[in-house]
Amino acid sequence: MQLTPTVYLPGLCDEAIAFYRTTLDIEILFVRRIEDCIDANHVLRGTERKVLRAAVRIGQSVLYLSDGHGTGQPSHQGFSLSLTLPTLVDAERVFQALSEGGRILLPLRQTTWANIYGVLIDKFGLHWTVETTSIAQPS
């Protein structure tokens, strides 16, 4: 069994893919557009170029992204995407990049369960935790 989460980003999927490609160095496995997957007779006008499903690899994990079927602002509640990075330098770089245009909820700091840990909401409204178990000290 395998679990692959799908994050819906109505009207923002292409922008999110570009952002995560820069900030997280994701690997884009595929991008399927509505016009390529659904019979034209069943496609709502204006949605042809929307992302039906994209698969991206973040480290060893795969995440699906989609423009979804609705409109309006996405509501990402009840879950968090957690990144564990190998070094403090990596954690600081990723945390800073993901927080651009977003909001830091907990700056990177040492905790009882991680050598460095921080929490943010990115510009797409996704909740992220960033941590490392590296023993390097914060800069």
Protein backbone atom coordinates (compact mmCIF):
# COMPACT_ATOMS: atom_id res chain seq x y z
CA MET A 1 0.00 0.00 0.00
CA GLN A 2 1.16 3.52 -0.74
CA LEU A 3 -0.26 6.87 0.32
CA THR A 4 0.21 9.82 -2.02
CA PRO A 5 -1.44 13.05 -0.86
CA THR A 6 -3.06 15.42 -3.36
CA VAL A 7 -2.98 19.15 -2.66
CA TYR A 8 -5.60 21.22 -4.46
CA LEU A 9 -4.55 24.72 -5.47
CA PRO A 10 -7.46 26.15 -7.51
CA GLY A 11 -6.04 28.28 -10.31
CA LEU A 12 -2.59 28.33 -8.70
CA CYS A 13 -1.15 24.93 -9.57
CA ASP A 14 1.25 26.08 -12.30
CA GLU A 15 2.50 28.92 -10.09
CA ALA A 16 2.95 26.52 -7.16
CA ILE A 17 4.89 24.03 -9.29
CA ALA A 18 7.24 26.82 -10.43
CA PHE A 19 7.66 28.03 -6.83
CA TYR A 20 8.39 24.58 -5.41
CA ARG A 21 10.72 23.83 -8.30
CA THR A 22 12.81 26.83 -7.22
CA THR A 23 12.49 26.51 -3.43
CA LEU A 24 12.56 22.74 -3.01
CA ASP A 25 14.29 21.65 -6.22
CA ILE A 26 11.40 19.26 -6.91
CA GLU A 27 11.46 16.80 -9.75
CA ILE A 28 8.38 17.10 -11.94
CA LEU A 29 7.30 13.56 -12.79
CA PHE A 30 4.35 14.59 -14.95
CA VAL A 31 1.75 17.31 -15.51
CA ARG A 32 -1.61 16.28 -16.95
CA ARG A 33 -3.89 19.04 -18.19
CA ILE A 34 -7.65 18.74 -18.41
CA GLU A 35 -7.62 19.17 -22.20
CA ASP A 36 -5.26 16.21 -22.53
CA CYS A 37 -7.27 13.83 -20.35
CA ILE A 38 -10.95 14.61 -20.65
CA ASP A 39 -13.16 14.52 -23.74
CA ALA A 40 -13.70 18.08 -25.01
CA ASN A 41 -17.48 17.61 -24.75
CA HIS A 42 -17.12 17.26 -20.97
CA VAL A 43 -14.69 20.10 -20.32
CA LEU A 44 -15.95 23.34 -18.83
CA ARG A 45 -15.00 26.28 -21.01
CA GLY A 46 -11.95 28.08 -19.60
CA THR A 47 -10.60 25.07 -17.71
CA GLU A 48 -8.84 23.33 -20.59
CA ARG A 49 -5.29 24.32 -19.49
CA LYS A 50 -5.88 23.72 -15.79
CA VAL A 51 -3.79 21.02 -14.13
CA LEU A 52 -5.83 17.88 -13.59
CA ARG A 53 -2.93 16.18 -11.80
CA ALA A 54 0.77 16.78 -11.48
CA ALA A 55 3.17 14.50 -9.68
CA VAL A 56 6.27 15.97 -8.10
CA ARG A 57 9.05 14.26 -6.21
CA ILE A 58 10.32 15.99 -3.10
CA GLY A 59 13.32 14.04 -1.90
CA GLN A 60 12.07 10.44 -1.70
CA SER A 61 8.37 11.35 -1.52
CA VAL A 62 5.78 11.99 -4.20
CA LEU A 63 3.10 14.65 -3.90
CA TYR A 64 0.22 15.23 -6.29
CA LEU A 65 -0.86 18.79 -7.09
CA SER A 66 -4.03 19.83 -8.88
CA ASP A 67 -6.09 22.88 -9.76
CA GLY A 68 -9.01 20.75 -8.57
CA HIS A 69 -12.63 20.94 -9.54
CA GLY A 70 -13.73 24.01 -7.66
CA THR A 71 -12.94 27.68 -7.53
CA GLY A 72 -12.04 30.06 -4.79
CA GLN A 73 -9.34 30.06 -2.19
CA PRO A 74 -7.92 26.70 -1.13
CA SER A 75 -8.39 25.77 2.50
CA HIS A 76 -5.54 23.66 3.81
CA GLN A 77 -6.54 22.72 7.32
CA GLY A 78 -5.85 19.68 9.41
CA PHE A 79 -2.52 18.65 7.90
CA SER A 80 1.07 19.76 7.52
CA LEU A 81 3.80 18.88 5.07
CA SER A 82 6.98 18.05 6.98
CA LEU A 83 10.47 18.32 5.55
CA THR A 84 13.50 16.77 7.23
CA LEU A 85 16.71 18.12 5.80
CA PRO A 86 20.23 16.75 6.26
CA THR A 87 21.95 19.94 7.48
CA LEU A 88 21.22 23.18 9.26
CA VAL A 89 22.29 25.15 6.18
CA ASP A 90 19.76 23.21 4.06
CA ALA A 91 17.01 23.74 6.65
CA GLU A 92 17.68 27.48 6.86
CA ARG A 93 17.73 27.85 3.06
CA VAL A 94 14.49 25.91 2.51
CA PHE A 95 12.71 27.54 5.46
CA GLN A 96 13.58 31.03 4.21
CA ALA A 97 12.60 30.23 0.62
CA LEU A 98 9.26 28.64 1.57
CA SER A 99 8.38 31.54 3.87
CA GLU A 100 8.72 34.18 1.13
CA GLY A 101 5.28 35.63 0.59
CA GLY A 102 3.97 33.49 3.43
CA ARG A 103 4.01 33.65 7.21
CA ILE A 104 6.42 32.22 9.77
CA LEU A 105 4.55 30.70 12.70
CA LEU A 106 7.61 29.45 14.60
CA PRO A 107 11.12 30.54 13.59
CA LEU A 108 13.76 27.85 13.30
CA ARG A 109 14.94 26.84 16.76
CA GLN A 110 16.21 23.92 18.75
CA THR A 111 13.58 21.62 20.28
CA THR A 112 13.50 18.49 22.40
CA TRP A 113 12.71 16.35 19.33
CA ALA A 114 14.81 18.05 16.63
CA ASN A 115 18.09 19.90 16.53
CA ILE A 116 16.37 22.60 14.51
CA TYR A 117 12.64 22.98 13.84
CA GLY A 118 10.41 25.69 12.39
CA VAL A 119 6.83 26.13 11.18
CA LEU A 120 5.47 28.31 8.39
CA ILE A 121 2.55 28.80 6.06
CA ASP A 122 3.68 29.39 2.49
CA LYS A 123 2.14 31.85 0.03
CA PHE A 124 -0.29 29.17 -1.15
CA GLY A 125 -1.61 28.59 2.35
CA LEU A 126 0.19 25.27 2.90
CA HIS A 127 1.40 24.53 6.42
CA TRP A 128 5.01 23.29 6.52
CA THR A 129 7.35 22.10 9.24
CA VAL A 130 11.07 22.14 8.51
CA GLU A 131 13.55 20.32 10.67
CA THR A 132 16.94 18.68 10.78
CA THR A 133 18.57 16.21 13.06
CA SER A 134 22.00 17.55 12.18
CA ILE A 135 24.14 18.49 15.15
CA ALA A 136 25.45 21.68 13.54
CA GLN A 137 24.70 24.84 15.53
CA PRO A 138 22.42 27.60 14.16
CA SER A 139 24.20 30.42 12.37
